């Protein structure tokens, strides 16, 4: 006997979603979460670049580890805040993966991706509006490949990283996981 219940696949096209306030609430959540994610993370990268620009002190800014914590911390907080409203996708790759697995309908997937892209544009637009000189000087916080790495290597790393992100989302939301092993045992050593 199975100790889990597989949810039914989402309908490919569910026009009834367009009549529900919860659908629009989810779109707003995805928009705001993606906007906040890009705003904070791009500001962190620009701030780091401005702090190391001409500064010999390696501890003079947040550092690479601080950037990683900003990205990871923002995703953690925003997924936690939006998971009950929209599922906490925040990334079109996650939404697309969940659509392919029939966890969301085509209408929801497309509208989530539109909201996420608009949120990203607005988040970076806010950075540019508030920090125009730094935004221009540091090319919008864009990262570049380190010397010795080709564009193909960078693309491969992005593909693998995106796969790991989507795989993690699928693993965390798998209905086959029982309640006893669905969370990391943080307090186990105690």
N, C-alpha and C. Protein backbone atom coordinates (compact mmCIF):
# COMPACT_ATOMS: atom_id res chain seq x y z
N UNK A 1 0.84 -1.19 0.00
CA UNK A 1 0.00 0.00 0.00
C UNK A 1 0.88 1.24 0.00
N UNK A 2 0.49 2.23 -0.82
CA UNK A 2 1.25 3.47 -0.89
C UNK A 2 0.94 4.34 0.33
N UNK A 3 1.96 5.00 0.85
CA UNK A 3 1.77 5.92 1.97
C UNK A 3 1.73 7.37 1.50
N UNK A 4 1.45 7.55 0.20
CA UNK A 4 1.33 8.90 -0.36
C UNK A 4 0.22 8.91 -1.39
N UNK A 5 -0.19 10.07 -1.76
CA UNK A 5 -1.24 10.23 -2.76
C UNK A 5 -0.71 11.10 -3.88
N UNK A 6 -0.61 10.56 -5.09
CA UNK A 6 -0.18 11.37 -6.22
C UNK A 6 -1.28 12.36 -6.58
N UNK A 7 -0.94 13.64 -6.66
CA UNK A 7 -1.96 14.60 -7.08
C UNK A 7 -2.26 14.40 -8.56
N UNK A 8 -3.48 14.70 -8.99
CA UNK A 8 -3.78 14.57 -10.41
C UNK A 8 -3.01 15.61 -11.21
N UNK A 9 -2.69 15.34 -12.47
CA UNK A 9 -1.98 16.34 -13.27
C UNK A 9 -2.86 17.57 -13.49
N UNK A 10 -2.20 18.71 -13.56
CA UNK A 10 -2.92 19.95 -13.82
C UNK A 10 -3.47 19.91 -15.25
N UNK A 11 -4.64 20.49 -15.47
CA UNK A 11 -5.15 20.53 -16.85
C UNK A 11 -4.23 21.38 -17.71
N UNK A 12 -4.13 21.01 -18.99
CA UNK A 12 -3.26 21.76 -19.89
C UNK A 12 -3.72 23.22 -19.98
N UNK A 13 -4.99 23.42 -20.21
CA UNK A 13 -5.54 24.78 -20.27
C UNK A 13 -6.72 24.83 -19.32
N UNK A 14 -6.63 25.70 -18.33
CA UNK A 14 -7.68 25.83 -17.34
C UNK A 14 -8.16 27.28 -17.33
N UNK A 15 -9.13 27.58 -18.17
CA UNK A 15 -9.63 28.95 -18.30
C UNK A 15 -10.34 29.42 -17.04
N UNK A 16 -10.78 28.50 -16.19
CA UNK A 16 -11.45 28.89 -14.94
C UNK A 16 -10.50 29.65 -14.01
N UNK A 17 -9.21 29.41 -14.16
CA UNK A 17 -8.23 30.12 -13.32
C UNK A 17 -8.35 31.63 -13.49
N UNK A 18 -8.67 32.06 -14.70
CA UNK A 18 -8.73 33.49 -14.99
C UNK A 18 -9.85 34.21 -14.25
N UNK A 19 -10.76 33.46 -13.67
CA UNK A 19 -11.88 34.07 -12.95
C UNK A 19 -11.66 34.09 -11.44
N UNK A 20 -10.53 33.60 -10.98
CA UNK A 20 -10.30 33.46 -9.54
C UNK A 20 -9.31 34.52 -9.04
N UNK A 21 -9.66 35.11 -7.90
CA UNK A 21 -8.77 36.10 -7.28
C UNK A 21 -7.46 35.45 -6.86
N UNK A 22 -7.47 34.19 -6.44
CA UNK A 22 -6.25 33.51 -5.99
C UNK A 22 -5.21 33.43 -7.11
N UNK A 23 -5.67 33.35 -8.36
CA UNK A 23 -4.76 33.33 -9.50
C UNK A 23 -4.03 34.67 -9.62
N UNK A 24 -4.76 35.76 -9.54
CA UNK A 24 -4.16 37.09 -9.66
C UNK A 24 -3.30 37.42 -8.44
N UNK A 25 -3.71 36.94 -7.29
CA UNK A 25 -2.92 37.10 -6.08
C UNK A 25 -1.57 36.38 -6.24
N UNK A 26 -1.60 35.20 -6.84
CA UNK A 26 -0.36 34.45 -7.09
C UNK A 26 0.53 35.19 -8.08
N UNK A 27 -0.06 35.79 -9.10
CA UNK A 27 0.74 36.57 -10.06
C UNK A 27 1.41 37.76 -9.38
N UNK A 28 0.67 38.43 -8.51
CA UNK A 28 1.23 39.57 -7.77
C UNK A 28 2.38 39.10 -6.88
N UNK A 29 2.20 37.96 -6.23
CA UNK A 29 3.26 37.41 -5.37
C UNK A 29 4.51 37.09 -6.17
N UNK A 30 4.35 36.47 -7.33
CA UNK A 30 5.51 36.15 -8.18
C UNK A 30 6.20 37.42 -8.66
N UNK A 31 5.42 38.42 -9.04
CA UNK A 31 5.98 39.70 -9.50
C UNK A 31 6.80 40.35 -8.38
N UNK A 32 6.20 40.49 -7.21
CA UNK A 32 6.87 41.17 -6.09
C UNK A 32 8.10 40.39 -5.64
N UNK A 33 8.00 39.06 -5.54
CA UNK A 33 9.13 38.26 -5.10
C UNK A 33 10.30 38.37 -6.07
N UNK A 34 10.02 38.30 -7.36
CA UNK A 34 11.10 38.39 -8.34
C UNK A 34 11.70 39.80 -8.35
N UNK A 35 10.85 40.81 -8.20
CA UNK A 35 11.34 42.18 -8.14
C UNK A 35 12.27 42.37 -6.94
N UNK A 36 11.85 41.91 -5.78
CA UNK A 36 12.68 42.04 -4.58
C UNK A 36 13.98 41.24 -4.71
N UNK A 37 13.88 40.05 -5.29
CA UNK A 37 15.08 39.22 -5.46
C UNK A 37 16.11 39.94 -6.30
N UNK A 38 15.70 40.45 -7.45
CA UNK A 38 16.65 41.14 -8.33
C UNK A 38 17.14 42.44 -7.72
N UNK A 39 16.28 43.17 -7.07
CA UNK A 39 16.67 44.44 -6.46
C UNK A 39 17.78 44.21 -5.43
N UNK A 40 17.57 43.31 -4.50
CA UNK A 40 18.55 43.09 -3.43
C UNK A 40 19.84 42.46 -3.97
N UNK A 41 19.72 41.45 -4.82
CA UNK A 41 20.93 40.76 -5.27
C UNK A 41 21.77 41.63 -6.21
N UNK A 42 21.14 42.36 -7.11
CA UNK A 42 21.91 43.23 -8.00
C UNK A 42 22.56 44.35 -7.20
N UNK A 43 21.86 44.92 -6.23
CA UNK A 43 22.48 45.93 -5.38
C UNK A 43 23.67 45.36 -4.60
N UNK A 44 23.56 44.13 -4.16
CA UNK A 44 24.67 43.50 -3.43
C UNK A 44 25.88 43.35 -4.33
N UNK A 45 25.68 42.90 -5.55
CA UNK A 45 26.79 42.72 -6.49
C UNK A 45 27.42 44.07 -6.82
N UNK A 46 26.60 45.08 -7.09
CA UNK A 46 27.12 46.41 -7.40
C UNK A 46 27.86 46.98 -6.19
N UNK A 47 27.29 46.79 -5.01
CA UNK A 47 27.96 47.26 -3.80
C UNK A 47 29.30 46.60 -3.59
N UNK A 48 29.37 45.29 -3.83
CA UNK A 48 30.63 44.57 -3.71
C UNK A 48 31.65 45.10 -4.71
N UNK A 49 31.23 45.28 -5.95
CA UNK A 49 32.16 45.78 -6.97
C UNK A 49 32.65 47.18 -6.64
N UNK A 50 31.78 48.01 -6.08
CA UNK A 50 32.21 49.37 -5.74
C UNK A 50 33.14 49.37 -4.53
N UNK A 51 32.98 48.41 -3.63
CA UNK A 51 33.84 48.35 -2.45
C UNK A 51 35.23 47.84 -2.77
N UNK A 52 35.35 46.92 -3.72
CA UNK A 52 36.68 46.39 -4.05
C UNK A 52 37.38 47.22 -5.10
N UNK A 53 36.67 48.15 -5.72
CA UNK A 53 37.25 48.99 -6.76
C UNK A 53 38.30 49.91 -6.13
N UNK A 54 39.54 49.56 -6.28
CA UNK A 54 40.62 50.37 -5.73
C UNK A 54 40.87 50.14 -4.25
N UNK A 55 40.21 49.18 -3.65
CA UNK A 55 40.39 48.90 -2.23
C UNK A 55 41.22 47.63 -2.08
N UNK A 56 42.37 47.74 -1.44
CA UNK A 56 43.25 46.58 -1.27
C UNK A 56 42.81 45.68 -0.13
N UNK A 57 41.88 46.14 0.69
CA UNK A 57 41.42 45.37 1.85
C UNK A 57 40.43 44.29 1.40
N UNK A 58 40.81 43.00 1.46
CA UNK A 58 39.88 41.94 1.03
C UNK A 58 38.65 41.83 1.93
N UNK A 59 38.71 42.41 3.12
CA UNK A 59 37.57 42.37 4.04
C UNK A 59 36.79 43.69 4.01
N UNK A 60 37.02 44.50 2.99
CA UNK A 60 36.40 45.81 2.92
C UNK A 60 34.96 45.80 2.45
N UNK A 61 34.41 44.66 2.11
CA UNK A 61 33.04 44.59 1.64
C UNK A 61 32.42 43.26 1.99
N UNK A 62 31.32 42.97 1.34
CA UNK A 62 30.61 41.73 1.64
C UNK A 62 31.36 40.52 1.11
N UNK A 63 32.12 40.67 0.08
CA UNK A 63 32.88 39.57 -0.49
C UNK A 63 32.00 38.63 -1.30
N UNK A 64 32.65 37.68 -1.93
CA UNK A 64 31.95 36.70 -2.75
C UNK A 64 30.99 35.88 -1.88
N UNK A 65 31.41 35.55 -0.68
CA UNK A 65 30.54 34.80 0.22
C UNK A 65 29.30 35.61 0.59
N UNK A 66 29.46 36.91 0.76
CA UNK A 66 28.31 37.77 1.06
C UNK A 66 27.32 37.81 -0.09
N UNK A 67 27.83 37.79 -1.31
CA UNK A 67 26.95 37.75 -2.48
C UNK A 67 26.18 36.43 -2.49
N UNK A 68 26.88 35.34 -2.23
CA UNK A 68 26.22 34.03 -2.19
C UNK A 68 25.14 34.01 -1.11
N UNK A 69 25.44 34.57 0.06
CA UNK A 69 24.45 34.62 1.14
C UNK A 69 23.27 35.51 0.76
N UNK A 70 23.53 36.59 0.04
CA UNK A 70 22.43 37.45 -0.40
C UNK A 70 21.49 36.70 -1.34
N UNK A 71 22.06 35.98 -2.30
CA UNK A 71 21.23 35.21 -3.23
C UNK A 71 20.48 34.10 -2.50
N UNK A 72 21.21 33.30 -1.74
CA UNK A 72 20.58 32.18 -1.03
C UNK A 72 19.58 32.65 0.01
N UNK A 73 19.93 33.69 0.75
CA UNK A 73 19.03 34.21 1.77
C UNK A 73 17.76 34.78 1.18
N UNK A 74 17.90 35.51 0.09
CA UNK A 74 16.70 36.08 -0.54
C UNK A 74 15.79 34.99 -1.09
N UNK A 75 16.36 33.98 -1.73
CA UNK A 75 15.53 32.89 -2.24
C UNK A 75 14.83 32.20 -1.08
N UNK A 76 15.55 31.93 -0.01
CA UNK A 76 14.97 31.26 1.16
C UNK A 76 13.79 32.06 1.70
N UNK A 77 14.00 33.34 1.94
CA UNK A 77 12.95 34.19 2.51
C UNK A 77 11.77 34.33 1.55
N UNK A 78 12.05 34.59 0.29
CA UNK A 78 10.96 34.83 -0.67
C UNK A 78 10.16 33.57 -0.97
N UNK A 79 10.82 32.43 -1.06
CA UNK A 79 10.07 31.18 -1.26
C UNK A 79 9.21 30.90 -0.04
N UNK A 80 9.76 31.12 1.13
CA UNK A 80 8.99 30.91 2.36
C UNK A 80 7.76 31.81 2.38
N UNK A 81 7.93 33.06 1.97
CA UNK A 81 6.82 34.03 2.01
C UNK A 81 5.77 33.77 0.94
N UNK A 82 6.16 33.23 -0.20
CA UNK A 82 5.21 33.10 -1.31
C UNK A 82 4.77 31.67 -1.58
N UNK A 83 5.35 30.70 -0.91
CA UNK A 83 5.01 29.30 -1.19
C UNK A 83 3.53 29.01 -1.02
N UNK A 84 2.91 29.58 -0.02
CA UNK A 84 1.48 29.33 0.21
C UNK A 84 0.57 30.12 -0.70
N UNK A 85 1.12 31.11 -1.38
CA UNK A 85 0.30 31.95 -2.27
C UNK A 85 0.41 31.49 -3.72
N UNK A 86 1.66 31.33 -4.18
CA UNK A 86 1.87 31.02 -5.59
C UNK A 86 2.68 29.75 -5.81
N UNK A 87 3.20 29.17 -4.77
CA UNK A 87 4.09 28.03 -4.92
C UNK A 87 5.54 28.43 -4.81
N UNK A 88 5.82 29.74 -4.79
CA UNK A 88 7.18 30.22 -4.61
C UNK A 88 8.12 29.88 -5.74
N UNK A 89 7.68 30.00 -6.97
CA UNK A 89 8.54 29.67 -8.11
C UNK A 89 9.69 30.66 -8.26
N UNK A 90 9.38 31.93 -8.42
CA UNK A 90 10.32 33.06 -8.51
C UNK A 90 11.28 32.96 -9.69
N UNK A 91 11.27 31.92 -10.44
CA UNK A 91 12.21 31.71 -11.54
C UNK A 91 11.46 31.04 -12.69
N UNK A 92 11.55 31.61 -13.89
CA UNK A 92 10.86 30.98 -15.04
C UNK A 92 11.29 29.55 -15.31
N UNK A 93 12.53 29.19 -15.00
CA UNK A 93 12.98 27.81 -15.21
C UNK A 93 12.22 26.86 -14.30
N UNK A 94 11.97 27.28 -13.06
CA UNK A 94 11.21 26.44 -12.13
C UNK A 94 9.78 26.30 -12.64
N UNK A 95 9.18 27.41 -13.05
CA UNK A 95 7.81 27.38 -13.57
C UNK A 95 7.72 26.49 -14.79
N UNK A 96 8.67 26.60 -15.71
CA UNK A 96 8.66 25.78 -16.92
C UNK A 96 8.79 24.30 -16.57
N UNK A 97 9.68 23.99 -15.64
CA UNK A 97 9.84 22.59 -15.22
C UNK A 97 8.57 22.03 -14.60
N UNK A 98 7.91 22.84 -13.76
CA UNK A 98 6.66 22.39 -13.15
C UNK A 98 5.55 22.27 -14.19
N UNK A 99 5.58 23.10 -15.23
CA UNK A 99 4.61 22.97 -16.31
C UNK A 99 4.84 21.66 -17.07
N UNK A 100 6.10 21.35 -17.38
CA UNK A 100 6.39 20.10 -18.10
C UNK A 100 5.97 18.88 -17.29
N UNK A 101 6.03 18.99 -15.97
CA UNK A 101 5.62 17.88 -15.10
C UNK A 101 4.12 17.89 -14.84
N UNK A 102 3.41 18.81 -15.48
CA UNK A 102 1.95 18.95 -15.34
C UNK A 102 1.53 19.28 -13.91
N UNK A 103 2.36 20.09 -13.24
CA UNK A 103 2.02 20.56 -11.90
C UNK A 103 1.27 21.88 -11.96
N UNK A 104 1.42 22.61 -13.07
CA UNK A 104 0.69 23.86 -13.30
C UNK A 104 0.16 23.86 -14.73
N UNK A 105 -0.91 24.58 -14.95
CA UNK A 105 -1.51 24.66 -16.29
C UNK A 105 -0.69 25.58 -17.19
N UNK A 106 -0.95 25.51 -18.47
CA UNK A 106 -0.26 26.36 -19.44
C UNK A 106 -0.54 27.83 -19.15
N UNK A 107 -1.79 28.16 -18.88
CA UNK A 107 -2.14 29.56 -18.60
C UNK A 107 -1.38 30.07 -17.38
N UNK A 108 -1.36 29.28 -16.31
CA UNK A 108 -0.64 29.69 -15.09
C UNK A 108 0.85 29.81 -15.37
N UNK A 109 1.42 28.86 -16.09
CA UNK A 109 2.85 28.89 -16.38
C UNK A 109 3.23 30.13 -17.18
N UNK A 110 2.49 30.41 -18.23
CA UNK A 110 2.80 31.58 -19.06
C UNK A 110 2.65 32.87 -18.26
N UNK A 111 1.57 32.99 -17.52
CA UNK A 111 1.33 34.21 -16.74
C UNK A 111 2.36 34.36 -15.62
N UNK A 112 2.77 33.26 -14.98
CA UNK A 112 3.83 33.34 -13.96
C UNK A 112 5.12 33.84 -14.59
N UNK A 113 5.48 33.29 -15.76
CA UNK A 113 6.73 33.70 -16.41
C UNK A 113 6.68 35.17 -16.82
N UNK A 114 5.53 35.63 -17.28
CA UNK A 114 5.38 37.06 -17.61
C UNK A 114 5.55 37.90 -16.35
N UNK A 115 4.88 37.51 -15.26
CA UNK A 115 4.98 38.26 -14.00
C UNK A 115 6.42 38.25 -13.48
N UNK A 116 7.10 37.12 -13.60
CA UNK A 116 8.48 37.02 -13.13
C UNK A 116 9.41 37.91 -13.96
N UNK A 117 9.23 37.90 -15.27
CA UNK A 117 10.08 38.74 -16.13
C UNK A 117 9.81 40.22 -15.88
N UNK A 118 8.55 40.58 -15.73
CA UNK A 118 8.22 41.98 -15.42
C UNK A 118 8.77 42.37 -14.05
N UNK A 119 8.69 41.48 -13.09
CA UNK A 119 9.24 41.74 -11.77
C UNK A 119 10.75 41.94 -11.82
N UNK A 120 11.43 41.11 -12.61
CA UNK A 120 12.88 41.25 -12.76
C UNK A 120 13.23 42.59 -13.40
N UNK A 121 12.50 42.96 -14.43
CA UNK A 121 12.74 44.25 -15.10
C UNK A 121 12.54 45.40 -14.12
N UNK A 122 11.47 45.34 -13.35
CA UNK A 122 11.18 46.41 -12.39
C UNK A 122 12.22 46.44 -11.27
N UNK A 123 12.65 45.29 -10.79
CA UNK A 123 13.66 45.24 -9.74
C UNK A 123 14.97 45.87 -10.18
N UNK A 124 15.43 45.52 -11.38
CA UNK A 124 16.66 46.11 -11.90
C UNK A 124 16.43 47.57 -12.25
N UNK A 125 15.22 47.90 -12.70
CA UNK A 125 14.89 49.30 -12.97
C UNK A 125 14.98 50.15 -11.71
N UNK A 126 14.55 49.61 -10.58
CA UNK A 126 14.67 50.33 -9.31
C UNK A 126 16.14 50.54 -8.93
N UNK A 127 16.97 49.52 -9.15
CA UNK A 127 18.40 49.68 -8.89
C UNK A 127 18.95 50.80 -9.75
N UNK A 128 18.60 50.79 -11.03
CA UNK A 128 19.10 51.81 -11.93
C UNK A 128 18.59 53.19 -11.55
N UNK A 129 17.34 53.27 -11.09
CA UNK A 129 16.77 54.56 -10.70
C UNK A 129 17.44 55.13 -9.45
N UNK A 130 17.73 54.27 -8.48
CA UNK A 130 18.28 54.74 -7.21
C UNK A 130 19.80 54.84 -7.21
N UNK A 131 20.47 54.05 -8.03
CA UNK A 131 21.94 54.01 -8.05
C UNK A 131 22.47 54.11 -9.47
N UNK A 132 22.01 55.10 -10.22
CA UNK A 132 22.32 55.19 -11.64
C UNK A 132 23.83 55.21 -11.91
N UNK A 133 24.58 56.00 -11.16
CA UNK A 133 26.02 56.10 -11.44
C UNK A 133 26.73 54.76 -11.20
N UNK A 134 26.42 54.08 -10.10
CA UNK A 134 27.02 52.78 -9.84
C UNK A 134 26.53 51.74 -10.84
N UNK A 135 25.25 51.81 -11.16
CA UNK A 135 24.67 50.87 -12.13
C UNK A 135 25.41 50.97 -13.46
N UNK A 136 25.64 52.19 -13.91
CA UNK A 136 26.33 52.41 -15.19
C UNK A 136 27.80 52.00 -15.09
N UNK A 137 28.46 52.42 -14.01
CA UNK A 137 29.89 52.15 -13.86
C UNK A 137 30.18 50.65 -13.80
N UNK A 138 29.31 49.89 -13.13
CA UNK A 138 29.56 48.46 -12.95
C UNK A 138 28.66 47.60 -13.83
N UNK A 139 28.19 48.17 -14.92
CA UNK A 139 27.44 47.44 -15.95
C UNK A 139 26.25 46.67 -15.40
N UNK A 140 25.52 47.28 -14.50
CA UNK A 140 24.32 46.67 -13.95
C UNK A 140 24.59 45.48 -13.05
N UNK A 141 25.82 45.34 -12.58
CA UNK A 141 26.15 44.22 -11.71
C UNK A 141 26.35 42.92 -12.45
N UNK A 142 26.48 43.00 -13.76
CA UNK A 142 26.63 41.78 -14.56
C UNK A 142 27.95 41.08 -14.24
N UNK A 143 27.89 39.78 -14.13
CA UNK A 143 29.09 39.00 -13.91
C UNK A 143 29.73 38.66 -15.25
N UNK A 144 31.00 38.45 -15.23
CA UNK A 144 31.72 38.04 -16.44
C UNK A 144 32.46 36.74 -16.13
N UNK A 145 32.80 36.02 -17.15
CA UNK A 145 33.57 34.79 -16.97
C UNK A 145 35.00 35.13 -16.57
N UNK A 146 35.54 34.35 -15.68
CA UNK A 146 36.93 34.55 -15.28
C UNK A 146 37.84 34.19 -16.44
N UNK A 147 39.05 34.74 -16.41
CA UNK A 147 40.02 34.44 -17.46
C UNK A 147 40.25 32.94 -17.55
N UNK A 148 40.33 32.44 -18.76
CA UNK A 148 40.58 31.02 -18.99
C UNK A 148 39.34 30.18 -19.19
N UNK A 149 38.15 30.78 -19.06
CA UNK A 149 36.91 30.04 -19.25
C UNK A 149 36.21 30.53 -20.50
N UNK A 150 35.72 29.60 -21.30
CA UNK A 150 35.04 29.96 -22.54
C UNK A 150 33.56 30.22 -22.29
N UNK A 151 32.91 30.79 -23.27
CA UNK A 151 31.47 31.02 -23.19
C UNK A 151 30.73 29.71 -23.06
N UNK A 152 31.20 28.68 -23.75
CA UNK A 152 30.57 27.36 -23.66
C UNK A 152 30.66 26.79 -22.24
N UNK A 153 31.78 27.01 -21.58
CA UNK A 153 31.93 26.54 -20.20
C UNK A 153 30.96 27.28 -19.28
N UNK A 154 30.83 28.59 -19.48
CA UNK A 154 29.88 29.38 -18.69
C UNK A 154 28.45 28.93 -18.92
N UNK A 155 28.11 28.67 -20.18
CA UNK A 155 26.77 28.19 -20.51
C UNK A 155 26.53 26.83 -19.88
N UNK A 156 27.52 25.95 -19.94
CA UNK A 156 27.38 24.64 -19.32
C UNK A 156 27.15 24.74 -17.82
N UNK A 157 27.88 25.64 -17.16
CA UNK A 157 27.70 25.84 -15.72
C UNK A 157 26.30 26.36 -15.42
N UNK A 158 25.79 27.26 -16.25
CA UNK A 158 24.43 27.79 -16.06
C UNK A 158 23.38 26.67 -16.24
N UNK A 159 23.58 25.83 -17.23
CA UNK A 159 22.64 24.73 -17.48
C UNK A 159 22.64 23.76 -16.30
N UNK A 160 23.82 23.40 -15.83
CA UNK A 160 23.91 22.48 -14.69
C UNK A 160 23.31 23.12 -13.44
N UNK A 161 23.62 24.38 -13.19
CA UNK A 161 23.07 25.07 -12.02
C UNK A 161 21.55 25.16 -12.07
N UNK A 162 21.01 25.44 -13.25
CA UNK A 162 19.56 25.52 -13.41
C UNK A 162 18.93 24.15 -13.21
N UNK A 163 19.57 23.11 -13.72
CA UNK A 163 19.07 21.75 -13.50
C UNK A 163 19.02 21.42 -12.01
N UNK A 164 20.09 21.75 -11.30
CA UNK A 164 20.14 21.47 -9.86
C UNK A 164 19.03 22.23 -9.13
N UNK A 165 18.79 23.48 -9.51
CA UNK A 165 17.71 24.27 -8.90
C UNK A 165 16.35 23.59 -9.12
N UNK A 166 16.04 23.26 -10.35
CA UNK A 166 14.74 22.65 -10.66
C UNK A 166 14.63 21.26 -10.02
N UNK A 167 15.71 20.50 -10.03
CA UNK A 167 15.72 19.18 -9.39
C UNK A 167 15.45 19.30 -7.89
N UNK A 168 16.03 20.30 -7.27
CA UNK A 168 15.81 20.53 -5.83
C UNK A 168 14.35 20.86 -5.55
N UNK A 169 13.75 21.69 -6.41
CA UNK A 169 12.33 22.03 -6.24
C UNK A 169 11.48 20.77 -6.37
N UNK A 170 11.76 19.94 -7.36
CA UNK A 170 11.00 18.70 -7.53
C UNK A 170 11.20 17.78 -6.33
N UNK A 171 12.41 17.69 -5.83
CA UNK A 171 12.68 16.84 -4.68
C UNK A 171 11.96 17.35 -3.44
N UNK A 172 11.97 18.63 -3.23
CA UNK A 172 11.34 19.21 -2.04
C UNK A 172 9.82 19.12 -2.07
N UNK A 173 9.24 19.06 -3.26
CA UNK A 173 7.78 19.03 -3.38
C UNK A 173 7.24 17.67 -3.77
N UNK A 174 8.07 16.65 -3.70
CA UNK A 174 7.66 15.31 -4.09
C UNK A 174 6.64 14.74 -3.09
N UNK A 175 5.46 14.34 -3.56
CA UNK A 175 4.45 13.81 -2.63
C UNK A 175 4.83 12.44 -2.06
N UNK A 176 5.82 11.79 -2.63
CA UNK A 176 6.24 10.48 -2.14
C UNK A 176 7.07 10.57 -0.86
N UNK A 177 7.53 11.76 -0.55
CA UNK A 177 8.30 11.95 0.68
C UNK A 177 7.35 11.95 1.86
N UNK A 178 7.65 11.18 2.86
CA UNK A 178 6.79 11.17 4.04
C UNK A 178 7.13 12.36 4.92
N UNK A 179 6.25 12.69 5.83
CA UNK A 179 6.44 13.86 6.70
C UNK A 179 7.71 13.74 7.53
N UNK A 180 8.11 12.53 7.86
CA UNK A 180 9.27 12.38 8.73
C UNK A 180 10.59 12.70 8.03
N UNK A 181 10.65 12.62 6.70
CA UNK A 181 11.91 12.92 6.03
C UNK A 181 11.80 14.09 5.06
N UNK A 182 10.79 14.92 5.21
CA UNK A 182 10.61 16.01 4.26
C UNK A 182 11.44 17.23 4.60
N UNK A 183 12.05 17.28 5.77
CA UNK A 183 12.87 18.42 6.14
C UNK A 183 14.25 17.95 6.58
N UNK A 184 15.22 18.81 6.43
CA UNK A 184 16.58 18.47 6.83
C UNK A 184 16.63 18.42 8.36
N UNK A 185 17.17 17.35 8.92
CA UNK A 185 17.21 17.23 10.39
C UNK A 185 18.29 18.15 10.99
N UNK A 186 17.98 19.43 11.11
CA UNK A 186 18.93 20.42 11.57
C UNK A 186 19.36 20.16 13.01
N UNK A 187 18.43 19.75 13.85
CA UNK A 187 18.71 19.56 15.27
C UNK A 187 19.17 18.14 15.60
N UNK A 188 19.46 17.33 14.60
CA UNK A 188 19.85 15.93 14.85
C UNK A 188 21.08 15.80 15.74
N UNK A 189 22.14 16.61 15.55
CA UNK A 189 23.32 16.45 16.39
C UNK A 189 23.07 16.80 17.86
N UNK A 190 22.03 17.55 18.17
CA UNK A 190 21.77 17.95 19.55
C UNK A 190 21.20 16.80 20.26
